[in-house]
Amino acid sequence: MVRPSRSFVSFVTSVSFVLATASEAGAQATDLVGVRAQGMGGAFTAVADDSTATWWNAAGLAGGAFINGILEYTHPPGADDTIKGLSMAFPALGVSYYRLPVSQIRAAPPKTTTDPTPVDQGVLTIYGATVAQSLGNHFVLGSTVKLIRGDDTSRGLDLGGMATLGPTRFGVSVRNINQPEIGSGETALKLRRQARAGFAFTTGTRGVIGTATLAADADLTATDTASGEDRRFAVGGEVWAPARSFGLRGGFSFSTIGERRTTLSAGASALVRKGTFLEASLFGGGDEVRRGWGVALRLTF
């Protein structure tokens, strides 16, 4: 049996300290970024093996293709609510750009304010730089430094860890370590800490199925969203044809506190030429915040 490394134990201890000192979190559209992750119901923290690891789990950057990039577009509820993203991953280094409508971040408005504030009607532009470092044969640490632009500019930090034991991976991600704040006064938007843990199991080639992955995610912090207090649990999976010419995925998620608000997801990838994939996802259900569709172009070298 492989024993957890001291680095893994230290990272878990650090995460526990961060959670213990964190205040109740306001939600961010974590599971509306990454078309492949959307198709798996948001069970992606321990998968995160493409360039969207820059968003989902910085430590996953070391487990993907040598070089890959993703251009994505997601349309959640609301005619003007679109999420756009561009991410690139190189060996242990990633860069990313995301444009998020503030209405999808769902930070709780000031208690003294009943009408949407100007910042609630705007967008956030997030530029990220991600690095990952292997510690031994089984553990990777990663971090993403973010420049966040809205009404003004702020800086943020995400941390991630990934432990790999054969076909099994365990991931932990903590977003907004420093709780960056955009604006000031009653119109300020504070991105509170969010922590998420995940598990994934991946097979090798088995007959007509090239590769199969089963994954589960769980929020470790509660969030106060427009739909009510929320803490998500997600389960998802994907299968690829032997030559990785076609992939299918599906999943679901639900809140473990308050109303259940179950969301179902499905997605697919198709190889259009060597190293180039078209991807799509569709998600909906009882949670209006998590309804919509997404498309992406992925390049892999």
Protein backbone atom coordinates (compact mmCIF):
# COMPACT_ATOMS: atom_id res chain seq x y z
CA MET A 1 0.00 0.00 0.00
CA VAL A 2 1.29 3.47 -0.90
CA ARG A 3 1.44 5.73 2.13
CA PRO A 4 0.49 9.40 1.76
CA SER A 5 3.56 11.60 1.43
CA ARG A 6 4.44 14.22 4.03
CA SER A 7 3.71 16.87 1.38
CA PHE A 8 0.18 15.53 0.93
CA VAL A 9 -0.43 15.51 4.70
CA SER A 10 0.93 19.06 4.98
CA PHE A 11 -1.31 20.27 2.15
CA VAL A 12 -4.43 18.72 3.70
CA THR A 13 -3.51 20.34 7.03
CA SER A 14 -3.13 23.72 5.33
CA VAL A 15 -6.50 23.37 3.59
CA SER A 16 -8.14 22.48 6.90
CA PHE A 17 -6.69 25.65 8.45
CA VAL A 18 -7.96 27.79 5.57
CA LEU A 19 -11.46 26.33 5.90
CA ALA A 20 -11.48 26.78 9.64
CA THR A 21 -10.68 30.49 9.27
CA ALA A 22 -12.99 31.13 6.30
CA SER A 23 -16.25 32.97 6.67
CA GLU A 24 -19.43 31.81 4.96
CA ALA A 25 -18.79 31.99 1.24
CA GLY A 26 -20.59 33.76 -1.55
CA ALA A 27 -20.98 31.62 -4.67
CA GLN A 28 -18.98 31.82 -7.86
CA ALA A 29 -19.81 30.10 -11.15
CA THR A 30 -17.19 27.38 -10.66
CA ASP A 31 -19.07 24.60 -12.46
CA LEU A 32 -20.09 26.81 -15.38
CA VAL A 33 -16.50 27.03 -16.63
CA GLY A 34 -15.04 24.24 -18.77
CA VAL A 35 -17.33 22.59 -21.30
CA ARG A 36 -15.93 19.14 -20.56
CA ALA A 37 -16.40 19.69 -16.82
CA GLN A 38 -19.97 20.86 -17.43
CA GLY A 39 -20.76 17.65 -19.28
CA MET A 40 -19.54 15.64 -16.28
CA GLY A 41 -21.86 17.47 -13.91
CA GLY A 42 -19.01 19.43 -12.36
CA ALA A 43 -17.19 16.34 -11.08
CA PHE A 44 -13.84 17.57 -12.34
CA THR A 45 -11.57 18.55 -9.43
CA ALA A 46 -9.67 15.25 -9.53
CA VAL A 47 -9.90 14.94 -13.34
CA ALA A 48 -8.67 18.42 -14.47
CA ASP A 49 -6.24 17.11 -17.10
CA ASP A 50 -6.70 19.76 -19.77
CA SER A 51 -5.99 23.50 -19.83
CA THR A 52 -9.10 24.27 -17.74
CA ALA A 53 -7.06 22.96 -14.82
CA THR A 54 -6.02 26.62 -14.62
CA TRP A 55 -9.56 27.17 -13.28
CA TRP A 56 -10.56 23.86 -11.69
CA ASN A 57 -7.42 22.61 -9.98
CA ALA A 58 -4.02 24.10 -10.71
CA ALA A 59 -2.29 20.86 -9.70
CA GLY A 60 -3.99 19.00 -12.57
CA LEU A 61 -1.91 20.94 -15.06
CA ALA A 62 0.89 18.37 -14.82
CA GLY A 63 -1.34 15.45 -15.85
CA GLY A 64 -2.54 16.45 -19.29
CA ALA A 65 -1.27 16.65 -22.84
CA PHE A 66 2.15 18.18 -23.52
CA ILE A 67 0.54 21.33 -24.96
CA ASN A 68 -3.18 22.01 -25.20
CA GLY A 69 -5.51 24.98 -25.53
CA ILE A 70 -9.26 25.50 -25.21
CA LEU A 71 -11.50 28.25 -26.56
CA GLU A 72 -14.95 28.04 -24.96
CA TYR A 73 -18.33 29.74 -24.88
CA THR A 74 -21.05 29.00 -22.34
CA HIS A 75 -24.60 30.35 -22.34
CA PRO A 76 -26.20 30.09 -18.87
CA PRO A 77 -29.64 31.59 -18.05
CA GLY A 78 -30.23 35.18 -19.16
CA ALA A 79 -30.03 36.61 -22.66
CA ASP A 80 -26.92 38.65 -21.83
CA ASP A 81 -25.23 36.11 -19.55
CA THR A 82 -22.43 34.53 -21.54
CA ILE A 83 -19.15 33.12 -20.28
CA LYS A 84 -16.13 33.23 -22.56
CA GLY A 85 -12.79 31.63 -21.91
CA LEU A 86 -9.39 30.95 -23.41
CA SER A 87 -6.81 28.77 -21.69
CA MET A 88 -3.43 27.35 -22.70
CA ALA A 89 -1.38 24.73 -20.88
CA PHE A 90 2.28 23.92 -21.31
CA PRO A 91 4.37 21.55 -19.17
CA ALA A 92 3.72 22.76 -15.59
CA LEU A 93 2.66 26.22 -16.83
CA GLY A 94 -0.72 27.61 -17.84
CA VAL A 95 -2.31 30.92 -18.81
CA SER A 96 -6.01 31.72 -18.91
CA TYR A 97 -8.56 34.42 -19.67
CA TYR A 98 -12.21 34.31 -18.57
CA ARG A 99 -15.00 36.81 -18.96
CA LEU A 100 -17.78 36.21 -16.44
CA PRO A 101 -21.09 38.06 -15.99
CA VAL A 102 -21.38 39.14 -12.37
CA SER A 103 -24.98 37.88 -12.37
CA GLN A 104 -23.57 34.33 -12.56
CA ILE A 105 -21.18 34.84 -9.66
CA ARG A 106 -24.19 35.32 -7.41
CA ALA A 107 -22.50 37.09 -4.54
CA ALA A 108 -25.15 38.02 -2.00
CA PRO A 109 -26.16 41.69 -2.42
CA PRO A 110 -25.76 44.07 0.51
CA LYS A 111 -28.54 43.55 3.05
CA THR A 112 -29.41 47.24 2.86
CA THR A 113 -29.81 47.09 -0.92
CA THR A 114 -32.86 45.65 -2.69
CA ASP A 115 -32.08 46.66 -6.28
CA PRO A 116 -29.20 45.31 -8.38
CA THR A 117 -26.08 47.39 -7.93
CA PRO A 118 -23.99 48.59 -10.90
CA VAL A 119 -21.35 45.94 -10.22
CA ASP A 120 -24.04 43.23 -10.22
CA GLN A 121 -24.91 44.21 -13.78
CA GLY A 122 -21.34 44.16 -15.09
CA VAL A 123 -18.71 41.61 -15.98
CA LEU A 124 -15.47 40.42 -14.49
CA THR A 125 -12.41 39.78 -16.61
CA ILE A 126 -9.99 37.34 -15.01
CA TYR A 127 -6.44 36.78 -16.23
CA GLY A 128 -4.60 33.85 -14.66
CA ALA A 129 -1.08 32.44 -14.58
CA THR A 130 -0.75 28.88 -13.27
CA VAL A 131 2.25 26.83 -12.20
CA ALA A 132 2.41 23.24 -10.95
CA GLN A 133 5.20 21.41 -9.16
CA SER A 134 5.56 17.65 -8.61
CA LEU A 135 6.57 16.56 -5.12
CA GLY A 136 7.72 12.97 -5.41
CA ASN A 137 6.01 10.42 -7.63
CA HIS A 138 2.47 10.76 -6.35
CA PHE A 139 1.71 14.36 -5.41
CA VAL A 140 1.49 17.69 -7.26
CA LEU A 141 0.91 21.19 -5.90
CA GLY A 142 -0.30 24.05 -8.08
CA SER A 143 -1.28 27.69 -7.80
CA THR A 144 -3.00 30.26 -9.97
CA VAL A 145 -2.32 33.98 -9.55
CA LYS A 146 -5.23 36.03 -10.90
CA LEU A 147 -5.69 39.61 -12.02
CA ILE A 148 -9.39 40.43 -11.68
CA ARG A 149 -10.84 43.48 -13.43
CA GLY A 150 -14.30 44.90 -12.87
CA ASP A 151 -15.07 48.43 -11.73
CA ASP A 152 -11.51 48.36 -10.47
CA THR A 153 -8.69 45.82 -10.33
CA SER A 154 -7.87 43.25 -7.66
CA ARG A 155 -5.59 40.23 -7.30
CA GLY A 156 -6.52 36.69 -6.31
CA LEU A 157 -4.89 33.38 -5.54
CA ASP A 158 -6.07 29.78 -5.99
CA LEU A 159 -4.30 26.68 -4.69
CA GLY A 160 -4.69 23.04 -5.70
CA GLY A 161 -3.33 19.64 -4.83
CA MET A 162 -3.50 16.29 -6.63
CA ALA A 163 -2.49 12.85 -5.35
CA THR A 164 -2.22 9.98 -7.86
CA LEU A 165 -2.18 6.35 -6.77
CA GLY A 166 -2.27 4.12 -9.83
CA PRO A 167 -5.58 4.68 -11.68
CA THR A 168 -7.00 6.71 -8.77
CA ARG A 169 -6.65 10.43 -8.22
CA PHE A 170 -7.65 12.65 -5.31
CA GLY A 171 -7.86 16.41 -5.77
CA VAL A 172 -8.42 19.44 -3.54
CA SER A 173 -8.84 23.01 -4.73
CA VAL A 174 -9.23 26.22 -2.71
CA ARG A 175 -10.27 29.31 -4.66
CA ASN A 176 -9.92 32.95 -3.68
CA ILE A 177 -7.49 32.34 -0.84
CA ASN A 178 -7.15 36.07 -0.17
CA GLN A 179 -10.86 36.84 -0.75
CA PRO A 180 -10.31 39.60 -3.36
CA GLU A 181 -12.77 42.48 -3.40
CA ILE A 182 -13.92 44.47 -6.43
CA GLY A 183 -15.26 47.96 -5.85
CA SER A 184 -15.95 49.58 -2.49
CA GLY A 185 -18.81 50.33 -0.14
CA GLU A 186 -22.22 48.78 -0.70
CA THR A 187 -21.46 48.04 -4.36
CA ALA A 188 -18.36 45.99 -3.51
CA LEU A 189 -18.19 42.42 -4.78
CA LYS A 190 -16.19 40.12 -2.51
CA LEU A 191 -15.09 36.75 -3.91
CA ARG A 192 -15.05 34.57 -0.82
CA ARG A 193 -13.06 31.39 -0.32
CA GLN A 194 -14.39 28.20 -1.83
CA ALA A 195 -13.00 24.72 -1.29
CA ARG A 196 -13.82 21.58 -3.24
CA ALA A 197 -12.54 18.01 -3.09
CA GLY A 198 -12.75 15.33 -5.74
CA PHE A 199 -12.08 11.68 -6.53
CA ALA A 200 -11.55 10.08 -9.95
CA PHE A 201 -10.90 6.56 -11.21
CA THR A 202 -9.74 5.97 -14.80
CA THR A 203 -9.47 2.64 -16.61
CA GLY A 204 -7.18 1.65 -19.43
CA THR A 205 -8.38 0.38 -22.79
CA ARG A 206 -11.17 -2.18 -22.38
CA GLY A 207 -12.56 -3.62 -25.60
CA VAL A 208 -14.79 -1.14 -27.43
CA ILE A 209 -14.30 1.47 -24.68
CA GLY A 210 -11.01 3.28 -25.04
CA THR A 211 -10.89 4.92 -21.63
CA ALA A 212 -13.55 5.33 -18.97
CA THR A 213 -13.47 7.77 -16.05
CA LEU A 214 -15.77 7.93 -13.03
CA ALA A 215 -15.51 10.99 -10.78
CA ALA A 216 -17.16 12.64 -7.79
CA ASP A 217 -16.83 16.13 -6.31
CA ALA A 218 -18.00 17.68 -3.05
CA ASP A 219 -17.97 21.30 -1.93
CA LEU A 220 -16.28 21.72 1.44
CA THR A 221 -17.76 25.17 2.01
CA ALA A 222 -21.34 26.40 1.83
CA THR A 223 -22.22 29.28 -0.47
CA ASP A 224 -25.03 31.82 -0.32
CA THR A 225 -26.49 32.04 -3.83
CA ALA A 226 -29.50 33.65 -5.47
CA SER A 227 -31.16 30.21 -5.27
CA GLY A 228 -30.46 29.90 -1.54
CA GLU A 229 -27.68 28.40 0.53
CA ASP A 230 -25.85 25.82 -1.51
CA ARG A 231 -23.23 23.10 -1.12
CA ARG A 232 -22.89 20.88 -4.19
CA PHE A 233 -22.17 17.19 -4.58
CA ALA A 234 -21.48 16.02 -8.13
CA VAL A 235 -21.01 12.66 -9.86
CA GLY A 236 -19.96 12.27 -13.48
CA GLY A 237 -18.20 10.10 -16.00
CA GLU A 238 -16.92 9.95 -19.53
CA VAL A 239 -15.97 7.25 -22.03
CA TRP A 240 -13.73 7.51 -25.09
CA ALA A 241 -13.52 5.32 -28.17
CA PRO A 242 -10.20 3.41 -28.47
CA ALA A 243 -8.65 5.90 -30.93
CA ARG A 244 -10.08 8.81 -28.91
CA SER A 245 -12.03 9.89 -31.98
CA PHE A 246 -15.23 10.34 -30.00
CA GLY A 247 -16.14 10.78 -26.34
CA LEU A 248 -19.39 10.87 -24.39
CA ARG A 249 -19.95 12.15 -20.85
CA GLY A 250 -22.72 12.71 -18.37
CA GLY A 251 -23.32 13.57 -14.76
CA PHE A 252 -25.49 15.22 -12.15
CA SER A 253 -25.12 17.45 -9.13
CA PHE A 254 -27.34 18.53 -6.26
CA SER A 255 -27.25 20.66 -3.16
CA THR A 256 -26.72 18.83 0.13
CA ILE A 257 -28.28 21.65 2.15
CA GLY A 258 -31.59 23.42 1.68
CA GLU A 259 -33.59 22.51 -1.41
CA ARG A 260 -32.03 19.65 -3.37
CA ARG A 261 -31.94 21.49 -6.74
CA THR A 262 -30.68 18.65 -8.92
CA THR A 263 -28.93 19.44 -12.22
CA LEU A 264 -28.41 16.90 -15.01
CA SER A 265 -25.61 17.25 -17.57
CA ALA A 266 -24.49 15.63 -20.81
CA GLY A 267 -21.71 16.29 -23.28
CA ALA A 268 -19.68 14.99 -26.19
CA SER A 269 -16.34 15.45 -27.95
CA ALA A 270 -15.58 14.72 -31.59
CA LEU A 271 -12.20 14.58 -33.31
CA VAL A 272 -12.35 16.76 -36.44
CA ARG A 273 -8.68 16.40 -37.36
CA LYS A 274 -5.54 15.24 -35.60
CA GLY A 275 -5.26 17.06 -32.29
CA THR A 276 -8.43 19.13 -32.83
CA PHE A 277 -11.71 18.44 -31.00
CA LEU A 278 -15.14 20.05 -31.03
CA GLU A 279 -16.89 19.74 -27.66
CA ALA A 280 -20.38 20.55 -26.41
CA SER A 281 -22.37 20.27 -23.21
CA LEU A 282 -25.97 20.69 -22.12
CA PHE A 283 -27.09 21.08 -18.51
CA GLY A 284 -30.37 21.82 -16.74
CA GLY A 285 -32.77 20.81 -14.02
CA GLY A 286 -34.15 22.17 -10.79
CA ASP A 287 -31.52 24.87 -10.28
CA GLU A 288 -32.07 27.81 -12.61
CA VAL A 289 -28.54 29.08 -11.97
CA ARG A 290 -27.15 25.93 -13.59
CA ARG A 291 -29.10 25.72 -16.84
CA GLY A 292 -27.61 26.31 -20.25
CA TRP A 293 -25.22 24.97 -22.85
CA GLY A 294 -21.62 25.34 -23.86
CA VAL A 295 -19.35 24.72 -26.84
CA ALA A 296 -15.58 24.59 -27.10
CA LEU A 297 -12.69 24.06 -29.50
CA ARG A 298 -9.79 22.09 -28.03
CA LEU A 299 -6.35 21.83 -29.62
CA THR A 300 -3.90 19.20 -28.37
CA PHE A 301 -0.27 18.68 -29.34
